[in-house]
Amino acid sequence: MGGMGGPSIILIIIVALLIFGPGKLPEMGKVAGNTLREFKNATKGLADDSEEHKKEDKQNQR
């Protein structure tokens, strides 16, 4: 319950088209994609650092 289904996404796209216009929408999508990619890369880096820290702790305990 409360999930975003197909009709909700279509409604959001229609509202975005009305507010920003069809010319600005692709640019906004590109910016959103770049932002999401940067966020994923940053969180992946944090997870990798955490794994390395755990391995170092295990080696130091031996």
Protein backbone atom coordinates (compact mmCIF):
# COMPACT_ATOMS: atom_id res chain seq x y z
CA MET A 1 0.00 0.00 0.00
CA GLY A 2 1.33 3.45 -0.81
CA GLY A 3 3.64 2.22 -3.56
CA MET A 4 4.08 4.08 -6.81
CA GLY A 5 2.37 2.25 -9.63
CA GLY A 6 2.07 3.02 -13.32
CA PRO A 7 -0.79 5.53 -13.02
CA SER A 8 1.06 7.51 -10.33
CA ILE A 9 4.20 7.77 -12.43
CA ILE A 10 2.20 8.85 -15.49
CA LEU A 11 0.47 11.54 -13.41
CA ILE A 12 3.83 12.83 -12.15
CA ILE A 13 5.18 13.00 -15.72
CA ILE A 14 2.11 14.90 -16.93
CA VAL A 15 2.37 17.42 -14.07
CA ALA A 16 6.11 17.86 -14.76
CA LEU A 17 5.36 18.49 -18.45
CA LEU A 18 2.79 21.12 -17.54
CA ILE A 19 5.10 22.87 -15.07
CA PHE A 20 8.42 22.75 -16.91
CA GLY A 21 7.42 22.22 -20.53
CA PRO A 22 8.62 19.56 -22.95
CA GLY A 23 11.86 21.40 -23.81
CA LYS A 24 13.20 21.48 -20.26
CA LEU A 25 12.18 17.95 -19.25
CA PRO A 26 15.00 16.00 -20.99
CA GLU A 27 17.60 18.29 -19.42
CA MET A 28 16.09 17.74 -15.98
CA GLY A 29 16.10 13.97 -16.55
CA LYS A 30 19.76 14.08 -17.46
CA VAL A 31 20.60 16.06 -14.32
CA ALA A 32 18.58 13.64 -12.18
CA GLY A 33 20.38 10.67 -13.75
CA ASN A 34 23.80 12.23 -13.15
CA THR A 35 22.87 12.98 -9.55
CA LEU A 36 21.70 9.41 -8.98
CA ARG A 37 24.90 8.03 -10.54
CA GLU A 38 27.06 10.24 -8.29
CA PHE A 39 25.09 9.13 -5.24
CA LYS A 40 25.49 5.43 -6.12
CA ASN A 41 29.23 5.88 -6.66
CA ALA A 42 29.60 7.67 -3.33
CA THR A 43 27.66 5.03 -1.39
CA LYS A 44 29.60 2.25 -3.13
CA GLY A 45 32.83 3.91 -2.05
CA LEU A 46 31.60 4.06 1.55
CA ALA A 47 30.62 0.38 1.48
CA ASP A 48 34.03 -0.57 0.03
CA ASP A 49 35.81 1.43 2.73
CA SER A 50 33.72 -0.29 5.39
CA GLU A 51 34.62 -3.75 4.05
CA GLU A 52 38.33 -2.87 3.99
CA HIS A 53 38.12 -1.61 7.57
CA LYS A 54 36.48 -4.88 8.69
CA LYS A 55 39.20 -6.94 6.98
CA GLU A 56 41.93 -4.87 8.65
CA ASP A 57 40.29 -5.34 12.05
CA LYS A 58 40.17 -9.14 11.56
CA GLN A 59 43.84 -9.21 10.55
CA ASN A 60 44.86 -7.09 13.54
CA GLN A 61 43.02 -9.41 15.95
CA ARG A 62 45.12 -12.43 14.87
